[in-house]
Structures are given as C-alpha cells and as structure tokens.
Amino acid sequence: MKVLKILALLLLFLLPASVMAQNIQKAGVQDLRSIIDSSKGRILIINFWATWCGPCVKEFPGLMSLRQGFSENDLQIVGISLDYSMKPVENFVKQHKVNFPIFLDDESISAMLSLKSIPRTLIYNRAGEKILDHLGFISEESFRHIVERLLQTP
C-alpha cells in the first residue's frame, strides 16, 4: 500500500499540472520527505494553508500565476492544507481550478514543524536545501523574485 502511495506522489510530479485531475490525498511526514527528495533539480515551494485562512486564500492567485510562469522542470509548487476535513479543500481546488498539487496534512507534518500559524511557506533550492521558512503572506512579486534569483544560481 505504501508503494502505491509513493508511486501516486511521483506521478503528481512527473505529469504537467494541466493534465492532472486534482485527487487530494492526505500526506504525512514521509510523504513530505518524498516530495522534497523527488523535487531535487527544481525549485520547490511548499505552502501550508487552509480554506478558512484569509491571507492564505489571498496568496493563492499569486501561486497559481507563478505556476503558469515557470516550467515544470524549473519550479514545483505544492500546497498542504491544514483544514480539518477533505470536503472544503476539494471544493476550493475545484472552484479555483488550482494548478498545482494539493494535499491534506494528516496532522503529522504540522506537529513535526510545530505549525501554529499560516500561511507558512518553505522554499528549497535545486539542491534540495531549504533556503526560506516564511510565516505570513508573500506577494506574487516576491515569490517571482525569489524563484528568478534561485534559477540564476547553479
């Protein structure tokens, strides 16, 4: 069963976002590690959010625009919702036509990272090194500036 879950995660990163139908799954610490490992060679943005979080919802259009502005080979964006149930997340993703993978935290990720406030964003460089751990809203322009700078770095 664990192998199937890992294969499903890998498929999410190999298929272009426009081809994927959003099949939201719960994710735990091991899944997070797999996401980080499978994204090496690309910049990775992990955004922790929830449908009930105003700044999180405000941040989403910028993330979606960012996803469209860069190649899948250069940038991977993943959203991890801290909502209490799957339904609001599914509704949000469908309504907003979210163009990057979304997972629902099984509560082990938020426990491991001591997530108490959102939005919280982790950004990894192409070597898989965490270069930013930011609490609070990030504008599309700031995201774009960070990604462009990281793409210039070998």
N, C-alpha and C. Protein backbone atom coordinates (compact mmCIF):
# COMPACT_ATOMS: atom_id res chain seq x y z
N MET A 1 0.83 -1.20 0.00
CA MET A 1 0.00 0.00 0.00
C MET A 1 0.87 1.26 0.00
N LYS A 2 1.94 1.23 0.80
CA LYS A 2 2.85 2.38 0.88
C LYS A 2 3.51 2.64 -0.47
N VAL A 3 3.84 1.56 -1.21
CA VAL A 3 4.46 1.70 -2.52
C VAL A 3 3.49 2.39 -3.48
N LEU A 4 2.21 2.06 -3.42
CA LEU A 4 1.22 2.70 -4.29
C LEU A 4 1.12 4.19 -3.99
N LYS A 5 1.17 4.55 -2.73
CA LYS A 5 1.09 5.96 -2.34
C LYS A 5 2.31 6.72 -2.87
N ILE A 6 3.49 6.12 -2.76
CA ILE A 6 4.71 6.76 -3.26
C ILE A 6 4.66 6.89 -4.77
N LEU A 7 4.16 5.87 -5.46
CA LEU A 7 4.02 5.95 -6.92
C LEU A 7 3.05 7.06 -7.31
N ALA A 8 1.96 7.19 -6.57
CA ALA A 8 0.99 8.26 -6.86
C ALA A 8 1.64 9.62 -6.66
N LEU A 9 2.44 9.78 -5.62
CA LEU A 9 3.14 11.04 -5.38
C LEU A 9 4.10 11.35 -6.52
N LEU A 10 4.85 10.34 -6.95
CA LEU A 10 5.80 10.55 -8.04
C LEU A 10 5.08 10.94 -9.33
N LEU A 11 3.95 10.32 -9.60
CA LEU A 11 3.18 10.68 -10.79
C LEU A 11 2.74 12.14 -10.76
N LEU A 12 2.40 12.63 -9.58
CA LEU A 12 1.99 14.03 -9.44
C LEU A 12 3.09 14.97 -9.91
N PHE A 13 4.33 14.56 -9.74
CA PHE A 13 5.44 15.44 -10.09
C PHE A 13 5.94 15.21 -11.51
N LEU A 14 5.57 14.10 -12.11
CA LEU A 14 6.01 13.82 -13.47
C LEU A 14 5.03 14.33 -14.51
N LEU A 15 3.76 14.41 -14.16
CA LEU A 15 2.75 14.88 -15.10
C LEU A 15 2.62 16.39 -15.01
N PRO A 16 2.44 17.06 -16.15
CA PRO A 16 2.20 18.50 -16.09
C PRO A 16 0.94 18.79 -15.29
N ALA A 17 0.95 19.91 -14.58
CA ALA A 17 -0.19 20.27 -13.73
C ALA A 17 -1.48 20.38 -14.52
N SER A 18 -1.39 20.82 -15.78
CA SER A 18 -2.60 20.99 -16.57
C SER A 18 -3.26 19.67 -16.93
N VAL A 19 -2.50 18.56 -16.88
CA VAL A 19 -3.04 17.25 -17.24
C VAL A 19 -3.69 16.58 -16.03
N MET A 20 -3.23 16.94 -14.84
CA MET A 20 -3.68 16.26 -13.64
C MET A 20 -5.10 16.66 -13.25
N ALA A 21 -5.87 15.69 -12.87
CA ALA A 21 -7.12 15.98 -12.18
C ALA A 21 -6.75 15.98 -10.70
N GLN A 22 -7.26 16.94 -9.97
CA GLN A 22 -6.89 17.02 -8.56
C GLN A 22 -7.53 15.88 -7.78
N ASN A 23 -6.71 15.00 -7.31
CA ASN A 23 -7.13 13.92 -6.45
C ASN A 23 -6.41 14.16 -5.12
N ILE A 24 -7.07 14.87 -4.24
CA ILE A 24 -6.44 15.28 -2.99
C ILE A 24 -6.31 14.08 -2.05
N GLN A 25 -5.10 13.91 -1.54
CA GLN A 25 -4.84 12.82 -0.61
C GLN A 25 -4.27 13.40 0.67
N LYS A 26 -4.37 12.63 1.73
CA LYS A 26 -3.71 13.01 2.98
C LYS A 26 -2.22 12.74 2.82
N ALA A 27 -1.43 13.58 3.47
CA ALA A 27 0.02 13.43 3.42
C ALA A 27 0.58 13.53 4.82
N GLY A 28 1.62 12.74 5.06
CA GLY A 28 2.30 12.74 6.34
C GLY A 28 3.76 13.11 6.17
N VAL A 29 4.52 12.95 7.23
CA VAL A 29 5.93 13.33 7.24
C VAL A 29 6.71 12.59 6.15
N GLN A 30 6.50 11.30 6.00
CA GLN A 30 7.22 10.54 4.97
C GLN A 30 6.88 11.05 3.58
N ASP A 31 5.61 11.42 3.36
CA ASP A 31 5.20 11.97 2.06
C ASP A 31 5.90 13.30 1.81
N LEU A 32 6.00 14.12 2.84
CA LEU A 32 6.69 15.40 2.71
C LEU A 32 8.15 15.17 2.32
N ARG A 33 8.79 14.21 2.95
CA ARG A 33 10.19 13.91 2.61
C ARG A 33 10.30 13.43 1.16
N SER A 34 9.34 12.62 0.71
CA SER A 34 9.34 12.15 -0.68
C SER A 34 9.15 13.31 -1.65
N ILE A 35 8.28 14.25 -1.31
CA ILE A 35 8.06 15.43 -2.16
C ILE A 35 9.37 16.22 -2.28
N ILE A 36 10.03 16.44 -1.17
CA ILE A 36 11.28 17.20 -1.19
C ILE A 36 12.34 16.46 -2.00
N ASP A 37 12.49 15.16 -1.76
CA ASP A 37 13.50 14.37 -2.48
C ASP A 37 13.22 14.32 -3.98
N SER A 38 11.97 14.14 -4.36
CA SER A 38 11.63 14.00 -5.78
C SER A 38 11.69 15.33 -6.53
N SER A 39 11.79 16.43 -5.81
CA SER A 39 11.83 17.75 -6.44
C SER A 39 13.25 18.26 -6.64
N LYS A 40 14.25 17.51 -6.23
CA LYS A 40 15.63 17.96 -6.43
C LYS A 40 15.88 18.20 -7.92
N GLY A 41 16.61 19.25 -8.20
CA GLY A 41 16.83 19.67 -9.58
C GLY A 41 15.88 20.79 -9.98
N ARG A 42 14.86 21.01 -9.15
CA ARG A 42 13.89 22.09 -9.37
C ARG A 42 13.79 22.90 -8.08
N ILE A 43 13.30 24.10 -8.21
CA ILE A 43 12.96 24.89 -7.04
C ILE A 43 11.64 24.36 -6.52
N LEU A 44 11.53 24.23 -5.23
CA LEU A 44 10.32 23.70 -4.61
C LEU A 44 9.74 24.73 -3.64
N ILE A 45 8.45 25.02 -3.83
CA ILE A 45 7.73 25.87 -2.89
C ILE A 45 6.66 25.00 -2.23
N ILE A 46 6.71 24.91 -0.92
CA ILE A 46 5.67 24.20 -0.16
C ILE A 46 4.92 25.25 0.64
N ASN A 47 3.62 25.34 0.37
CA ASN A 47 2.79 26.35 1.00
C ASN A 47 1.79 25.68 1.92
N PHE A 48 1.85 26.01 3.20
CA PHE A 48 0.90 25.50 4.19
C PHE A 48 -0.22 26.53 4.31
N TRP A 49 -1.45 26.08 4.19
CA TRP A 49 -2.59 26.97 4.09
C TRP A 49 -3.86 26.28 4.58
N ALA A 50 -4.97 27.00 4.56
CA ALA A 50 -6.29 26.42 4.86
C ALA A 50 -7.35 27.29 4.18
N THR A 51 -8.48 26.69 3.89
CA THR A 51 -9.56 27.41 3.21
C THR A 51 -10.14 28.51 4.09
N TRP A 52 -10.03 28.38 5.40
CA TRP A 52 -10.59 29.35 6.34
C TRP A 52 -9.61 30.48 6.67
N CYS A 53 -8.43 30.47 6.08
CA CYS A 53 -7.38 31.45 6.35
C CYS A 53 -7.39 32.53 5.27
N GLY A 54 -7.82 33.74 5.63
CA GLY A 54 -7.91 34.84 4.67
C GLY A 54 -6.61 35.13 3.93
N PRO A 55 -5.48 35.33 4.63
CA PRO A 55 -4.22 35.60 3.93
C PRO A 55 -3.80 34.44 3.02
N CYS A 56 -4.13 33.21 3.41
CA CYS A 56 -3.80 32.03 2.58
C CYS A 56 -4.55 32.10 1.26
N VAL A 57 -5.85 32.37 1.35
CA VAL A 57 -6.69 32.44 0.15
C VAL A 57 -6.23 33.60 -0.73
N LYS A 58 -5.82 34.71 -0.11
CA LYS A 58 -5.33 35.88 -0.85
C LYS A 58 -4.02 35.54 -1.58
N GLU A 59 -3.23 34.67 -1.03
CA GLU A 59 -1.93 34.29 -1.60
C GLU A 59 -2.06 33.36 -2.81
N PHE A 60 -3.17 32.63 -2.89
CA PHE A 60 -3.34 31.58 -3.92
C PHE A 60 -3.24 32.07 -5.36
N PRO A 61 -3.89 33.17 -5.75
CA PRO A 61 -3.77 33.61 -7.15
C PRO A 61 -2.32 33.85 -7.56
N GLY A 62 -1.50 34.38 -6.65
CA GLY A 62 -0.10 34.60 -6.95
C GLY A 62 0.66 33.30 -7.16
N LEU A 63 0.35 32.30 -6.34
CA LEU A 63 0.99 30.99 -6.50
C LEU A 63 0.57 30.34 -7.82
N MET A 64 -0.71 30.47 -8.16
CA MET A 64 -1.19 29.88 -9.41
C MET A 64 -0.58 30.59 -10.62
N SER A 65 -0.44 31.90 -10.55
CA SER A 65 0.20 32.65 -11.62
C SER A 65 1.68 32.26 -11.74
N LEU A 66 2.33 32.11 -10.62
CA LEU A 66 3.73 31.68 -10.58
C LEU A 66 3.88 30.31 -11.25
N ARG A 67 2.95 29.40 -10.93
CA ARG A 67 2.99 28.06 -11.52
C ARG A 67 2.93 28.15 -13.05
N GLN A 68 2.10 29.05 -13.57
CA GLN A 68 1.97 29.21 -15.02
C GLN A 68 3.20 29.86 -15.63
N GLY A 69 3.91 30.67 -14.86
CA GLY A 69 5.01 31.46 -15.39
C GLY A 69 6.34 30.76 -15.51
N PHE A 70 6.45 29.56 -14.94
CA PHE A 70 7.72 28.84 -14.97
C PHE A 70 7.49 27.40 -15.40
N SER A 71 8.48 26.83 -16.04
CA SER A 71 8.44 25.45 -16.50
C SER A 71 8.34 24.49 -15.32
N GLU A 72 7.66 23.38 -15.55
CA GLU A 72 7.60 22.30 -14.54
C GLU A 72 9.00 21.79 -14.22
N ASN A 73 9.93 21.91 -15.18
CA ASN A 73 11.30 21.47 -14.95
C ASN A 73 12.08 22.40 -14.05
N ASP A 74 11.60 23.65 -13.91
CA ASP A 74 12.28 24.63 -13.08
C ASP A 74 11.65 24.81 -11.71
N LEU A 75 10.33 24.68 -11.62
CA LEU A 75 9.62 25.02 -10.40
C LEU A 75 8.52 24.01 -10.08
N GLN A 76 8.50 23.58 -8.84
CA GLN A 76 7.43 22.71 -8.32
C GLN A 76 6.78 23.44 -7.17
N ILE A 77 5.45 23.53 -7.20
CA ILE A 77 4.70 24.13 -6.10
C ILE A 77 3.77 23.07 -5.53
N VAL A 78 3.72 22.97 -4.22
CA VAL A 78 2.86 22.02 -3.54
C VAL A 78 2.14 22.76 -2.41
N GLY A 79 0.84 22.56 -2.32
CA GLY A 79 0.07 23.11 -1.22
C GLY A 79 -0.29 22.01 -0.23
N ILE A 80 -0.14 22.29 1.04
CA ILE A 80 -0.53 21.34 2.08
C ILE A 80 -1.53 22.05 2.98
N SER A 81 -2.76 21.58 2.90
CA SER A 81 -3.86 22.20 3.64
C SER A 81 -3.89 21.70 5.08
N LEU A 82 -4.18 22.62 5.98
CA LEU A 82 -4.35 22.26 7.38
C LEU A 82 -5.83 22.27 7.76
N ASP A 83 -6.70 22.19 6.75
CA ASP A 83 -8.13 22.10 7.02
C ASP A 83 -8.42 20.84 7.83
N TYR A 84 -9.58 20.83 8.48
CA TYR A 84 -9.94 19.72 9.35
C TYR A 84 -10.57 18.56 8.60
N SER A 85 -11.06 18.82 7.38
CA SER A 85 -11.65 17.74 6.59
C SER A 85 -11.38 17.98 5.11
N MET A 86 -11.59 16.96 4.33
CA MET A 86 -11.26 16.95 2.91
C MET A 86 -12.21 17.81 2.07
N LYS A 87 -13.49 17.84 2.40
CA LYS A 87 -14.51 18.46 1.55
C LYS A 87 -14.24 19.93 1.23
N PRO A 88 -13.95 20.78 2.23
CA PRO A 88 -13.70 22.19 1.89
C PRO A 88 -12.51 22.37 0.95
N VAL A 89 -11.50 21.53 1.12
CA VAL A 89 -10.31 21.60 0.28
C VAL A 89 -10.67 21.21 -1.16
N GLU A 90 -11.40 20.11 -1.30
CA GLU A 90 -11.83 19.67 -2.63
C GLU A 90 -12.67 20.76 -3.31
N ASN A 91 -13.58 21.37 -2.57
CA ASN A 91 -14.42 22.43 -3.13
C ASN A 91 -13.57 23.63 -3.56
N PHE A 92 -12.62 24.03 -2.73
CA PHE A 92 -11.75 25.16 -3.04
C PHE A 92 -10.94 24.89 -4.31
N VAL A 93 -10.34 23.73 -4.37
CA VAL A 93 -9.49 23.36 -5.51
C VAL A 93 -10.30 23.35 -6.80
N LYS A 94 -11.50 22.79 -6.73
CA LYS A 94 -12.36 22.73 -7.91
C LYS A 94 -12.82 24.14 -8.32
N GLN A 95 -13.28 24.92 -7.36
CA GLN A 95 -13.80 26.26 -7.64
C GLN A 95 -12.73 27.18 -8.22
N HIS A 96 -11.51 27.09 -7.70
CA HIS A 96 -10.44 27.99 -8.13
C HIS A 96 -9.55 27.40 -9.21
N LYS A 97 -9.84 26.15 -9.60
CA LYS A 97 -9.05 25.47 -10.65
C LYS A 97 -7.55 25.54 -10.34
N VAL A 98 -7.22 25.10 -9.13
CA VAL A 98 -5.83 25.15 -8.65
C VAL A 98 -4.95 24.30 -9.57
N ASN A 99 -3.83 24.87 -9.99
CA ASN A 99 -2.97 24.24 -10.99
C ASN A 99 -1.68 23.65 -10.44
N PHE A 100 -1.69 23.29 -9.17
CA PHE A 100 -0.56 22.58 -8.58
C PHE A 100 -1.11 21.60 -7.54
N PRO A 101 -0.33 20.57 -7.20
CA PRO A 101 -0.83 19.53 -6.28
C PRO A 101 -1.15 20.06 -4.89
N ILE A 102 -2.26 19.59 -4.36
CA ILE A 102 -2.70 19.95 -3.01
C ILE A 102 -2.86 18.66 -2.20
N PHE A 103 -2.37 18.69 -0.98
CA PHE A 103 -2.51 17.58 -0.06
C PHE A 103 -3.18 18.09 1.22
N LEU A 104 -3.75 17.17 1.97
CA LEU A 104 -4.31 17.47 3.28
C LEU A 104 -3.39 16.87 4.34
N ASP A 105 -2.89 17.71 5.22
CA ASP A 105 -1.99 17.24 6.28
C ASP A 105 -2.71 16.23 7.17
N ASP A 106 -2.05 15.10 7.40
CA ASP A 106 -2.65 14.10 8.30
C ASP A 106 -2.35 14.47 9.76
N GLU A 107 -1.89 15.68 9.98
CA GLU A 107 -1.55 16.28 11.27
C GLU A 107 -0.15 15.95 11.73
N SER A 108 0.53 15.00 11.07
CA SER A 108 1.90 14.68 11.49
C SER A 108 2.88 15.74 11.00
N ILE A 109 2.61 16.35 9.82
CA ILE A 109 3.50 17.38 9.29
C ILE A 109 3.43 18.62 10.18
N SER A 110 2.21 19.06 10.47
CA SER A 110 2.07 20.26 11.29
C SER A 110 2.64 20.04 12.70
N ALA A 111 2.55 18.82 13.20
CA ALA A 111 3.13 18.51 14.51
C ALA A 111 4.65 18.55 14.43
N MET A 112 5.22 17.95 13.40
CA MET A 112 6.68 17.91 13.26
C MET A 112 7.26 19.32 13.11
N LEU A 113 6.58 20.16 12.32
CA LEU A 113 7.08 21.52 12.06
C LEU A 113 6.58 22.54 13.09
N SER A 114 5.79 22.09 14.06
CA SER A 114 5.19 22.98 15.06
C SER A 114 4.46 24.14 14.40
N LEU A 115 3.65 23.80 13.38
CA LEU A 115 2.88 24.83 12.67
C LEU A 115 1.77 25.35 13.57
N LYS A 116 1.86 26.60 13.92
CA LYS A 116 0.84 27.22 14.77
C LYS A 116 0.10 28.32 14.03
N SER A 117 0.73 28.88 13.00
CA SER A 117 0.14 29.96 12.21
C SER A 117 0.38 29.69 10.73
N ILE A 118 -0.55 30.18 9.92
CA ILE A 118 -0.44 30.06 8.47
C ILE A 118 -0.89 31.38 7.85
N PRO A 119 -0.53 31.67 6.62
CA PRO A 119 0.25 30.83 5.72
C PRO A 119 1.72 30.74 6.16
N ARG A 120 2.29 29.60 5.85
CA ARG A 120 3.73 29.38 6.08
C ARG A 120 4.27 28.74 4.83
N THR A 121 5.39 29.24 4.37
CA THR A 121 5.96 28.78 3.10
C THR A 121 7.40 28.35 3.30
N LEU A 122 7.71 27.18 2.77
CA LEU A 122 9.07 26.68 2.74
C LEU A 122 9.53 26.70 1.29
N ILE A 123 10.73 27.20 1.04
CA ILE A 123 11.28 27.21 -0.32
C ILE A 123 12.63 26.50 -0.29
N TYR A 124 12.79 25.58 -1.24
CA TYR A 124 14.00 24.78 -1.38
C TYR A 124 14.67 25.11 -2.71
N ASN A 125 16.00 25.16 -2.70
CA ASN A 125 16.72 25.38 -3.95
C ASN A 125 16.83 24.07 -4.73
N ARG A 126 17.48 24.12 -5.87
CA ARG A 126 17.56 22.92 -6.73
C ARG A 126 18.36 21.79 -6.10
N ALA A 127 19.19 22.09 -5.14
CA ALA A 127 19.96 21.06 -4.44
C ALA A 127 19.13 20.41 -3.32
N GLY A 128 17.91 20.89 -3.11
CA GLY A 128 17.06 20.34 -2.07
C GLY A 128 17.32 20.94 -0.70
N GLU A 129 18.01 22.08 -0.67
CA GLU A 129 18.31 22.75 0.60
C GLU A 129 17.24 23.80 0.89
N LYS A 130 16.73 23.80 2.11
CA LYS A 130 15.74 24.80 2.49
C LYS A 130 16.43 26.15 2.59
N ILE A 131 15.92 27.12 1.82
CA ILE A 131 16.55 28.44 1.83
C ILE A 131 15.62 29.50 2.44
N LEU A 132 14.35 29.14 2.65
CA LEU A 132 13.42 30.09 3.26
C LEU A 132 12.34 29.35 4.03
N ASP A 133 12.06 29.83 5.22
CA ASP A 133 10.94 29.36 6.03
C ASP A 133 10.22 30.62 6.48
N HIS A 134 9.12 30.96 5.78
CA HIS A 134 8.47 32.25 5.99
C HIS A 134 7.07 32.09 6.56
N LEU A 135 6.77 32.84 7.59
CA LEU A 135 5.44 32.86 8.18
C LEU A 135 4.74 34.14 7.73
N GLY A 136 3.57 33.98 7.10
CA GLY A 136 2.80 35.13 6.65
C GLY A 136 2.67 35.18 5.13
N PHE A 137 1.89 36.14 4.69
CA PHE A 137 1.59 36.34 3.28
C PHE A 137 2.85 36.70 2.49
N ILE A 138 2.97 36.15 1.28
CA ILE A 138 4.03 36.52 0.34
C ILE A 138 3.35 36.93 -0.96
N SER A 139 3.73 38.08 -1.48
CA SER A 139 3.13 38.57 -2.72
C SER A 139 3.66 37.78 -3.92
N GLU A 140 2.91 37.83 -5.00
CA GLU A 140 3.35 37.16 -6.23
C GLU A 140 4.71 37.73 -6.67
N GLU A 141 4.88 39.03 -6.58
CA GLU A 141 6.14 39.66 -6.99
C GLU A 141 7.32 39.13 -6.17
N SER A 142 7.11 38.97 -4.87
CA SER A 142 8.18 38.44 -4.02
C SER A 142 8.50 37.00 -4.36
N PHE A 143 7.45 36.18 -4.57
CA PHE A 143 7.68 34.79 -4.99
C PHE A 143 8.49 34.78 -6.29
N ARG A 144 8.05 35.58 -7.26
CA ARG A 144 8.70 35.61 -8.58
C ARG A 144 10.17 36.02 -8.44
N HIS A 145 10.43 37.03 -7.63
CA HIS A 145 11.81 37.50 -7.42
C HIS A 145 12.68 36.37 -6.84
N ILE A 146 12.17 35.68 -5.85
CA ILE A 146 12.91 34.58 -5.22
C ILE A 146 13.21 33.48 -6.24
N VAL A 147 12.18 33.07 -6.99
CA VAL A 147 12.36 32.00 -7.97
C VAL A 147 13.37 32.41 -9.04
N GLU A 148 13.24 33.62 -9.55
CA GLU A 148 14.17 34.09 -10.59
C GLU A 148 15.61 34.12 -10.07
N ARG A 149 15.80 34.57 -8.85
CA ARG A 149 17.15 34.58 -8.27
C ARG A 149 17.70 33.17 -8.12
N LEU A 150 16.85 32.25 -7.65
CA LEU A 150 17.31 30.86 -7.48
C LEU A 150 17.61 30.20 -8.81
N LEU A 151 16.87 30.54 -9.84
CA LEU A 151 17.14 29.96 -11.17
C LEU A 151 18.49 30.44 -11.74
N GLN A 152 18.93 31.59 -11.32
CA GLN A 152 20.22 32.13 -11.77
C GLN A 152 21.39 31.49 -11.03
N THR A 153 21.10 30.84 -9.91
CA THR A 153 22.13 30.20 -9.11
C THR A 153 22.31 28.76 -9.56
N PRO A 154 23.53 28.37 -9.89
CA PRO A 154 23.76 26.98 -10.35
C PRO A 154 23.47 25.95 -9.28
